[in-house]
């Protein structure tokens, strides 16, 4: 595949649109609010479902009420991880890329996909990609685009792994996304129930969320994590 170098040195699968000064991601995507909301829900559901499948605990999933459009608004949506955990690099990297890849796939299935919208999805998932780059840096490696030198990794390899994992879990991603779209917020336990996957060390029920209770329930998982390889060691 071909990677395109953007004007700010960021690589994307799709070329940077020529929108001129003052263009915004929301303006380029040009989605109805309902479609934007569902696409963001799918993005976060992709992260969460792969997290469950990989053994990464999820505390909550949220959609911002203004979808990140407000003046000085924070993130449009997010997943909050909880407790201590340890998984292989390959699984962690796939989980990081799963949001972007889920959103892109959903747009294709809904007939909403355009190169410009796909580009926006890539750009707004930049922090997810940065997590992969930072983890690689901790391992003495670097993230690349279109080639894999010694002590490096091609991001296309990461997204391919995410696509393969999502293929087997796609119905669960859509289930979590629909619930998140409906409610705007799901606890980790609620999300796990909709995904029909086991939430790490937390019962899948609707008990009121309590950080203290969650930490207590993570105790055994944390002890196991200390015995397991860390992300650094797993590489």
C-alpha atoms as a PDB file:
ATOM      1  CA  UNK A   1       0.000   0.000   0.000  1.00  0.00           C
ATOM      2  CA  UNK A   2       1.006   3.640  -0.438  1.00  0.00           C
ATOM      3  CA  UNK A   3       1.431   5.997   2.493  1.00  0.00           C
ATOM      4  CA  UNK A   4       0.937   9.726   1.939  1.00  0.00           C
ATOM      5  CA  UNK A   5       3.054  12.275   3.797  1.00  0.00           C
ATOM      6  CA  UNK A   6       0.868  15.159   4.990  1.00  0.00           C
ATOM      7  CA  UNK A   7       1.976  18.771   5.218  1.00  0.00           C
ATOM      8  CA  UNK A   8       2.682  18.346   8.957  1.00  0.00           C
ATOM      9  CA  UNK A   9       4.751  15.162   8.392  1.00  0.00           C
ATOM     10  CA  UNK A  10       1.925  12.819   9.492  1.00  0.00           C
ATOM     11  CA  UNK A  11       1.472   9.711   7.321  1.00  0.00           C
ATOM     12  CA  UNK A  12      -1.965   8.602   6.123  1.00  0.00           C
ATOM     13  CA  UNK A  13      -3.288   5.914   3.800  1.00  0.00           C
ATOM     14  CA  UNK A  14      -5.284   8.529   1.935  1.00  0.00           C
ATOM     15  CA  UNK A  15      -4.011  11.827   0.536  1.00  0.00           C
ATOM     16  CA  UNK A  16      -4.497  15.014   2.495  1.00  0.00           C
ATOM     17  CA  UNK A  17      -7.488  16.957   1.084  1.00  0.00           C
ATOM     18  CA  UNK A  18      -6.839  20.412  -0.303  1.00  0.00           C
ATOM     19  CA  UNK A  19      -9.285  22.336   1.881  1.00  0.00           C
ATOM     20  CA  UNK A  20      -7.394  25.582   2.378  1.00  0.00           C
ATOM     21  CA  UNK A  21      -6.986  27.558   5.608  1.00  0.00           C
ATOM     22  CA  UNK A  22      -9.732  27.310   8.187  1.00  0.00           C
ATOM     23  CA  UNK A  23     -10.808  23.796   7.239  1.00  0.00           C
ATOM     24  CA  UNK A  24     -11.773  21.511  10.117  1.00  0.00           C
ATOM     25  CA  UNK A  25     -12.020  17.762  10.463  1.00  0.00           C
ATOM     26  CA  UNK A  26     -15.753  18.077  11.077  1.00  0.00           C
ATOM     27  CA  UNK A  27     -16.151  20.211   7.970  1.00  0.00           C
ATOM     28  CA  UNK A  28     -14.177  17.802   5.806  1.00  0.00           C
ATOM     29  CA  UNK A  29     -16.084  14.753   7.085  1.00  0.00           C
ATOM     30  CA  UNK A  30     -19.421  16.537   6.576  1.00  0.00           C
ATOM     31  CA  UNK A  31     -21.421  13.907   8.468  1.00  0.00           C
ATOM     32  CA  UNK A  32     -24.855  14.329   9.996  1.00  0.00           C
ATOM     33  CA  UNK A  33     -24.633  14.474  13.788  1.00  0.00           C
ATOM     34  CA  UNK A  34     -26.371  11.099  14.068  1.00  0.00           C
ATOM     35  CA  UNK A  35     -23.834   9.471  11.752  1.00  0.00           C
ATOM     36  CA  UNK A  36     -20.931  11.214  13.460  1.00  0.00           C
ATOM     37  CA  UNK A  37     -22.139  10.050  16.861  1.00  0.00           C
ATOM     38  CA  UNK A  38     -22.502   6.434  15.732  1.00  0.00           C
ATOM     39  CA  UNK A  39     -19.101   6.474  14.002  1.00  0.00           C
ATOM     40  CA  UNK A  40     -17.449   7.707  17.216  1.00  0.00           C
ATOM     41  CA  UNK A  41     -19.297   5.044  19.188  1.00  0.00           C
ATOM     42  CA  UNK A  42     -18.003   2.398  16.778  1.00  0.00           C
ATOM     43  CA  UNK A  43     -14.460   3.736  17.174  1.00  0.00           C
ATOM     44  CA  UNK A  44     -14.534   3.418  20.964  1.00  0.00           C
ATOM     45  CA  UNK A  45     -16.355   0.085  20.812  1.00  0.00           C
ATOM     46  CA  UNK A  46     -13.548  -1.259  18.632  1.00  0.00           C
ATOM     47  CA  UNK A  47     -11.007  -0.353  21.291  1.00  0.00           C
ATOM     48  CA  UNK A  48     -13.131  -1.784  24.092  1.00  0.00           C
ATOM     49  CA  UNK A  49     -13.995  -5.111  22.459  1.00  0.00           C
ATOM     50  CA  UNK A  50     -10.380  -5.836  21.566  1.00  0.00           C
ATOM     51  CA  UNK A  51      -9.397  -4.795  25.083  1.00  0.00           C
ATOM     52  CA  UNK A  52     -11.810  -7.358  26.521  1.00  0.00           C
ATOM     53  CA  UNK A  53     -10.564 -10.014  24.114  1.00  0.00           C
ATOM     54  CA  UNK A  54      -6.923  -9.267  24.985  1.00  0.00           C
ATOM     55  CA  UNK A  55      -7.399  -9.087  28.743  1.00  0.00           C
ATOM     56  CA  UNK A  56      -7.162  -5.320  29.227  1.00  0.00           C
ATOM     57  CA  UNK A  57      -9.664  -4.059  31.848  1.00  0.00           C
ATOM     58  CA  UNK A  58     -12.084  -1.303  30.857  1.00  0.00           C
ATOM     59  CA  UNK A  59     -13.551   1.090  33.435  1.00  0.00           C
ATOM     60  CA  UNK A  60     -15.892   3.079  31.204  1.00  0.00           C
ATOM     61  CA  UNK A  61     -16.661   4.191  27.646  1.00  0.00           C
ATOM     62  CA  UNK A  62     -18.030   7.677  27.007  1.00  0.00           C
ATOM     63  CA  UNK A  63     -19.320   9.927  24.243  1.00  0.00           C
ATOM     64  CA  UNK A  64     -19.074  13.670  24.781  1.00  0.00           C
ATOM     65  CA  UNK A  65     -22.455  15.378  24.661  1.00  0.00           C
ATOM     66  CA  UNK A  66     -21.257  17.877  22.049  1.00  0.00           C
ATOM     67  CA  UNK A  67     -19.182  15.258  20.173  1.00  0.00           C
ATOM     68  CA  UNK A  68     -16.118  17.418  20.677  1.00  0.00           C
ATOM     69  CA  UNK A  69     -17.553  20.310  18.686  1.00  0.00           C
ATOM     70  CA  UNK A  70     -17.893  22.824  21.528  1.00  0.00           C
ATOM     71  CA  UNK A  71     -15.526  25.721  22.130  1.00  0.00           C
ATOM     72  CA  UNK A  72     -12.660  24.392  24.226  1.00  0.00           C
ATOM     73  CA  UNK A  73     -14.296  20.974  24.241  1.00  0.00           C
ATOM     74  CA  UNK A  74     -12.373  17.950  25.389  1.00  0.00           C
ATOM     75  CA  UNK A  75     -12.218  14.674  23.472  1.00  0.00           C
ATOM     76  CA  UNK A  76     -15.269  13.644  21.498  1.00  0.00           C
ATOM     77  CA  UNK A  77     -15.202  10.129  22.986  1.00  0.00           C
ATOM     78  CA  UNK A  78     -12.929   7.935  25.052  1.00  0.00           C
ATOM     79  CA  UNK A  79     -12.290   4.607  26.776  1.00  0.00           C
ATOM     80  CA  UNK A  80     -10.846   4.606  30.292  1.00  0.00           C
ATOM     81  CA  UNK A  81      -8.652   1.648  31.182  1.00  0.00           C
ATOM     82  CA  UNK A  82      -8.407   0.384  34.740  1.00  0.00           C
ATOM     83  CA  UNK A  83      -6.119  -1.617  36.997  1.00  0.00           C
ATOM     84  CA  UNK A  84      -2.755  -3.116  36.156  1.00  0.00           C
ATOM     85  CA  UNK A  85      -2.516  -5.358  33.139  1.00  0.00           C
ATOM     86  CA  UNK A  86       0.054  -7.035  30.949  1.00  0.00           C
ATOM     87  CA  UNK A  87      -0.434  -8.240  27.381  1.00  0.00           C
ATOM     88  CA  UNK A  88       1.805  -8.943  24.417  1.00  0.00           C
ATOM     89  CA  UNK A  89       2.882  -6.087  22.189  1.00  0.00           C
ATOM     90  CA  UNK A  90       0.990  -7.534  19.231  1.00  0.00           C
ATOM     91  CA  UNK A  91      -2.312  -7.520  21.131  1.00  0.00           C
ATOM     92  CA  UNK A  92      -1.765  -4.070  22.595  1.00  0.00           C
ATOM     93  CA  UNK A  93      -0.904  -2.572  19.216  1.00  0.00           C
ATOM     94  CA  UNK A  94      -3.963  -4.170  17.567  1.00  0.00           C
ATOM     95  CA  UNK A  95      -6.177  -2.772  20.332  1.00  0.00           C
ATOM     96  CA  UNK A  96      -4.736   0.718  19.756  1.00  0.00           C
ATOM     97  CA  UNK A  97      -5.458   0.548  16.018  1.00  0.00           C
ATOM     98  CA  UNK A  98      -8.888  -1.041  16.425  1.00  0.00           C
ATOM     99  CA  UNK A  99     -10.727   2.267  16.843  1.00  0.00           C
ATOM    100  CA  UNK A 100      -9.531   3.705  13.548  1.00  0.00           C
ATOM    101  CA  UNK A 101     -10.062   0.456  11.672  1.00  0.00           C
ATOM    102  CA  UNK A 102     -13.552  -0.057  13.146  1.00  0.00           C
ATOM    103  CA  UNK A 103     -14.650   3.439  12.185  1.00  0.00           C
ATOM    104  CA  UNK A 104     -13.338   3.009   8.638  1.00  0.00           C
ATOM    105  CA  UNK A 105     -15.068  -0.370   8.226  1.00  0.00           C
ATOM    106  CA  UNK A 106     -18.354   0.935   9.596  1.00  0.00           C
ATOM    107  CA  UNK A 107     -18.374   3.845   7.124  1.00  0.00           C
ATOM    108  CA  UNK A 108     -17.803   1.424   4.255  1.00  0.00           C
ATOM    109  CA  UNK A 109     -20.649  -0.827   5.369  1.00  0.00           C
ATOM    110  CA  UNK A 110     -23.018   2.127   5.794  1.00  0.00           C
ATOM    111  CA  UNK A 111     -22.213   3.646   2.390  1.00  0.00           C
ATOM    112  CA  UNK A 112     -20.670   6.706   4.036  1.00  0.00           C
ATOM    113  CA  UNK A 113     -17.050   6.051   3.107  1.00  0.00           C
ATOM    114  CA  UNK A 114     -15.094   8.591   1.048  1.00  0.00           C
ATOM    115  CA  UNK A 115     -11.315   9.084   0.863  1.00  0.00           C
ATOM    116  CA  UNK A 116     -11.741  12.412   2.648  1.00  0.00           C
ATOM    117  CA  UNK A 117     -13.719  10.880   5.520  1.00  0.00           C
ATOM    118  CA  UNK A 118     -11.245   8.010   5.776  1.00  0.00           C
ATOM    119  CA  UNK A 119      -8.458  10.581   5.996  1.00  0.00           C
ATOM    120  CA  UNK A 120     -10.279  12.354   8.838  1.00  0.00           C
ATOM    121  CA  UNK A 121     -10.624   9.048  10.694  1.00  0.00           C
ATOM    122  CA  UNK A 122      -6.875   8.516  10.421  1.00  0.00           C
ATOM    123  CA  UNK A 123      -6.047  12.019  11.579  1.00  0.00           C
ATOM    124  CA  UNK A 124      -8.404  12.003  14.548  1.00  0.00           C
ATOM    125  CA  UNK A 125      -6.926   8.642  15.637  1.00  0.00           C
ATOM    126  CA  UNK A 126      -3.459  10.161  15.880  1.00  0.00           C
ATOM    127  CA  UNK A 127      -3.244   9.712  19.657  1.00  0.00           C
ATOM    128  CA  UNK A 128      -3.929   5.977  19.254  1.00  0.00           C
ATOM    129  CA  UNK A 129      -1.090   5.717  16.781  1.00  0.00           C
ATOM    130  CA  UNK A 130       1.143   7.696  19.119  1.00  0.00           C
ATOM    131  CA  UNK A 131       0.585   5.084  21.836  1.00  0.00           C
ATOM    132  CA  UNK A 132       2.016   2.455  19.498  1.00  0.00           C
ATOM    133  CA  UNK A 133       4.990   4.669  18.681  1.00  0.00           C
ATOM    134  CA  UNK A 134       5.683   5.327  22.366  1.00  0.00           C
ATOM    135  CA  UNK A 135       5.490   1.635  23.273  1.00  0.00           C
ATOM    136  CA  UNK A 136       7.894   0.810  20.450  1.00  0.00           C
ATOM    137  CA  UNK A 137      10.230   3.558  21.609  1.00  0.00           C
ATOM    138  CA  UNK A 138      10.324   1.994  25.062  1.00  0.00           C
ATOM    139  CA  UNK A 139      11.484  -1.179  23.340  1.00  0.00           C
ATOM    140  CA  UNK A 140      14.204   0.632  21.404  1.00  0.00           C
ATOM    141  CA  UNK A 141      12.185   0.430  18.175  1.00  0.00           C
ATOM    142  CA  UNK A 142      10.543   2.937  15.850  1.00  0.00           C
ATOM    143  CA  UNK A 143       7.271   3.132  13.927  1.00  0.00           C
ATOM    144  CA  UNK A 144       7.484   3.363  10.140  1.00  0.00           C
ATOM    145  CA  UNK A 145       5.172   3.636   7.157  1.00  0.00           C
ATOM    146  CA  UNK A 146       5.691   1.543   4.059  1.00  0.00           C
ATOM    147  CA  UNK A 147       8.837  -0.257   5.160  1.00  0.00           C
ATOM    148  CA  UNK A 148      10.169  -2.259   8.100  1.00  0.00           C
ATOM    149  CA  UNK A 149      13.828  -1.583   8.860  1.00  0.00           C
ATOM    150  CA  UNK A 150      15.792  -3.304  11.601  1.00  0.00           C
ATOM    151  CA  UNK A 151      14.400  -2.351  15.023  1.00  0.00           C
ATOM    152  CA  UNK A 152      11.276  -0.973  13.398  1.00  0.00           C
ATOM    153  CA  UNK A 153       7.647  -1.826  12.589  1.00  0.00           C
ATOM    154  CA  UNK A 154       5.429  -0.841   9.681  1.00  0.00           C
ATOM    155  CA  UNK A 155       2.108   0.579  10.862  1.00  0.00           C
ATOM    156  CA  UNK A 156       0.403  -1.365   8.067  1.00  0.00           C
ATOM    157  CA  UNK A 157       1.323  -4.527   9.979  1.00  0.00           C
ATOM    158  CA  UNK A 158      -0.445  -3.145  13.056  1.00  0.00           C
ATOM    159  CA  UNK A 159      -3.622  -2.206  11.193  1.00  0.00           C
ATOM    160  CA  UNK A 160      -3.692  -5.589   9.428  1.00  0.00           C
ATOM    161  CA  UNK A 161      -3.602  -7.319  12.818  1.00  0.00           C
ATOM    162  CA  UNK A 162      -6.440  -5.095  14.051  1.00  0.00           C
ATOM    163  CA  UNK A 163      -8.510  -5.855  10.937  1.00  0.00           C
ATOM    164  CA  UNK A 164      -8.013  -9.598  11.405  1.00  0.00           C
ATOM    165  CA  UNK A 165      -9.060  -9.470  15.064  1.00  0.00           C
ATOM    166  CA  UNK A 166     -12.088  -7.283  14.334  1.00  0.00           C
ATOM    167  CA  UNK A 167     -13.264  -9.679  11.615  1.00  0.00           C
ATOM    168  CA  UNK A 168     -14.042 -12.288  14.286  1.00  0.00           C
ATOM    169  CA  UNK A 169     -15.552  -9.807  16.749  1.00  0.00           C
ATOM    170  CA  UNK A 170     -17.391  -7.404  14.482  1.00  0.00           C
ATOM    171  CA  UNK A 171     -20.920  -8.210  15.645  1.00  0.00           C
ATOM    172  CA  UNK A 172     -19.799  -7.553  19.223  1.00  0.00           C
ATOM    173  CA  UNK A 173     -18.290  -4.195  18.247  1.00  0.00           C
ATOM    174  CA  UNK A 174     -21.581  -3.166  16.650  1.00  0.00           C
ATOM    175  CA  UNK A 175     -23.522  -4.290  19.726  1.00  0.00           C
ATOM    176  CA  UNK A 176     -21.386  -2.199  22.085  1.00  0.00           C
ATOM    177  CA  UNK A 177     -21.491   0.768  19.692  1.00  0.00           C
ATOM    178  CA  UNK A 178     -25.285   0.704  19.541  1.00  0.00           C
ATOM    179  CA  UNK A 179     -25.541   0.673  23.341  1.00  0.00           C
ATOM    180  CA  UNK A 180     -22.993   3.487  23.664  1.00  0.00           C
ATOM    181  CA  UNK A 181     -24.848   5.542  21.054  1.00  0.00           C
ATOM    182  CA  UNK A 182     -28.112   5.032  22.961  1.00  0.00           C
ATOM    183  CA  UNK A 183     -26.785   5.880  26.425  1.00  0.00           C
ATOM    184  CA  UNK A 184     -23.674   8.027  25.903  1.00  0.00           C
ATOM    185  CA  UNK A 185     -21.880   6.192  28.711  1.00  0.00           C
ATOM    186  CA  UNK A 186     -21.265   2.567  29.625  1.00  0.00           C
ATOM    187  CA  UNK A 187     -19.419   1.143  32.578  1.00  0.00           C
ATOM    188  CA  UNK A 188     -16.902  -1.524  31.727  1.00  0.00           C
ATOM    189  CA  UNK A 189     -19.270  -4.155  33.069  1.00  0.00           C
ATOM    190  CA  UNK A 190     -22.153  -2.914  30.946  1.00  0.00           C
ATOM    191  CA  UNK A 191     -19.967  -2.808  27.839  1.00  0.00           C
ATOM    192  CA  UNK A 192     -18.726  -6.332  28.503  1.00  0.00           C
ATOM    193  CA  UNK A 193     -22.290  -7.588  28.752  1.00  0.00           C
ATOM    194  CA  UNK A 194     -23.196  -6.036  25.395  1.00  0.00           C
ATOM    195  CA  UNK A 195     -20.012  -7.508  23.906  1.00  0.00           C
ATOM    196  CA  UNK A 196     -20.787 -10.912  25.414  1.00  0.00           C
ATOM    197  CA  UNK A 197     -17.205 -11.045  26.633  1.00  0.00           C
ATOM    198  CA  UNK A 198     -15.779 -11.388  30.123  1.00  0.00           C
ATOM    199  CA  UNK A 199     -14.708  -8.152  31.763  1.00  0.00           C
ATOM    200  CA  UNK A 200     -11.323  -8.723  33.357  1.00  0.00           C
ATOM    201  CA  UNK A 201     -11.845  -9.547  37.056  1.00  0.00           C
ATOM    202  CA  UNK A 202     -15.198  -7.707  37.176  1.00  0.00           C
ATOM    203  CA  UNK A 203     -18.644  -9.291  37.118  1.00  0.00           C
ATOM    204  CA  UNK A 204     -20.770  -8.383  34.093  1.00  0.00           C
ATOM    205  CA  UNK A 205     -23.650  -6.706  35.913  1.00  0.00           C
ATOM    206  CA  UNK A 206     -25.183  -3.261  36.309  1.00  0.00           C
ATOM    207  CA  UNK A 207     -23.994  -2.567  39.843  1.00  0.00           C
ATOM    208  CA  UNK A 208     -23.185   1.117  40.411  1.00  0.00           C
ATOM    209  CA  UNK A 209     -19.642   1.870  39.388  1.00  0.00           C
ATOM    210  CA  UNK A 210     -17.199   2.196  42.260  1.00  0.00           C
ATOM    211  CA  UNK A 211     -13.507   2.728  41.622  1.00  0.00           C
ATOM    212  CA  UNK A 212     -12.704   1.255  45.049  1.00  0.00           C
ATOM    213  CA  UNK A 213     -14.724  -1.858  44.310  1.00  0.00           C
ATOM    214  CA  UNK A 214     -13.153  -2.237  40.885  1.00  0.00           C
ATOM    215  CA  UNK A 215      -9.658  -1.941  42.357  1.00  0.00           C
ATOM    216  CA  UNK A 216     -10.501  -4.613  44.912  1.00  0.00           C
ATOM    217  CA  UNK A 217     -11.784  -6.922  42.192  1.00  0.00           C
ATOM    218  CA  UNK A 218      -8.612  -6.358  40.184  1.00  0.00           C
ATOM    219  CA  UNK A 219      -6.397  -7.581  43.055  1.00  0.00           C
ATOM    220  CA  UNK A 220      -6.027 -11.126  41.766  1.00  0.00           C
ATOM    221  CA  UNK A 221      -5.557  -9.949  38.192  1.00  0.00           C
ATOM    222  CA  UNK A 222      -2.842  -7.531  39.290  1.00  0.00           C
ATOM    223  CA  UNK A 223      -1.027 -10.286  41.149  1.00  0.00           C
ATOM    224  CA  UNK A 224      -1.134 -12.420  38.015  1.00  0.00           C
ATOM    225  CA  UNK A 225       0.117  -9.493  35.968  1.00  0.00           C
ATOM    226  CA  UNK A 226       3.178  -9.163  38.160  1.00  0.00           C
ATOM    227  CA  UNK A 227       4.006 -12.775  37.425  1.00  0.00           C
ATOM    228  CA  UNK A 228       3.397 -12.395  33.720  1.00  0.00           C
ATOM    229  CA  UNK A 229       5.619 -10.729  31.154  1.00  0.00           C
ATOM    230  CA  UNK A 230       5.224  -6.998  30.789  1.00  0.00           C
ATOM    231  CA  UNK A 231       4.605  -5.413  27.413  1.00  0.00           C
ATOM    232  CA  UNK A 232       8.325  -4.672  27.206  1.00  0.00           C
ATOM    233  CA  UNK A 233       9.314  -8.244  28.042  1.00  0.00           C
ATOM    234  CA  UNK A 234       6.733  -9.755  25.742  1.00  0.00           C
ATOM    235  CA  UNK A 235       8.443  -8.220  22.724  1.00  0.00           C
END
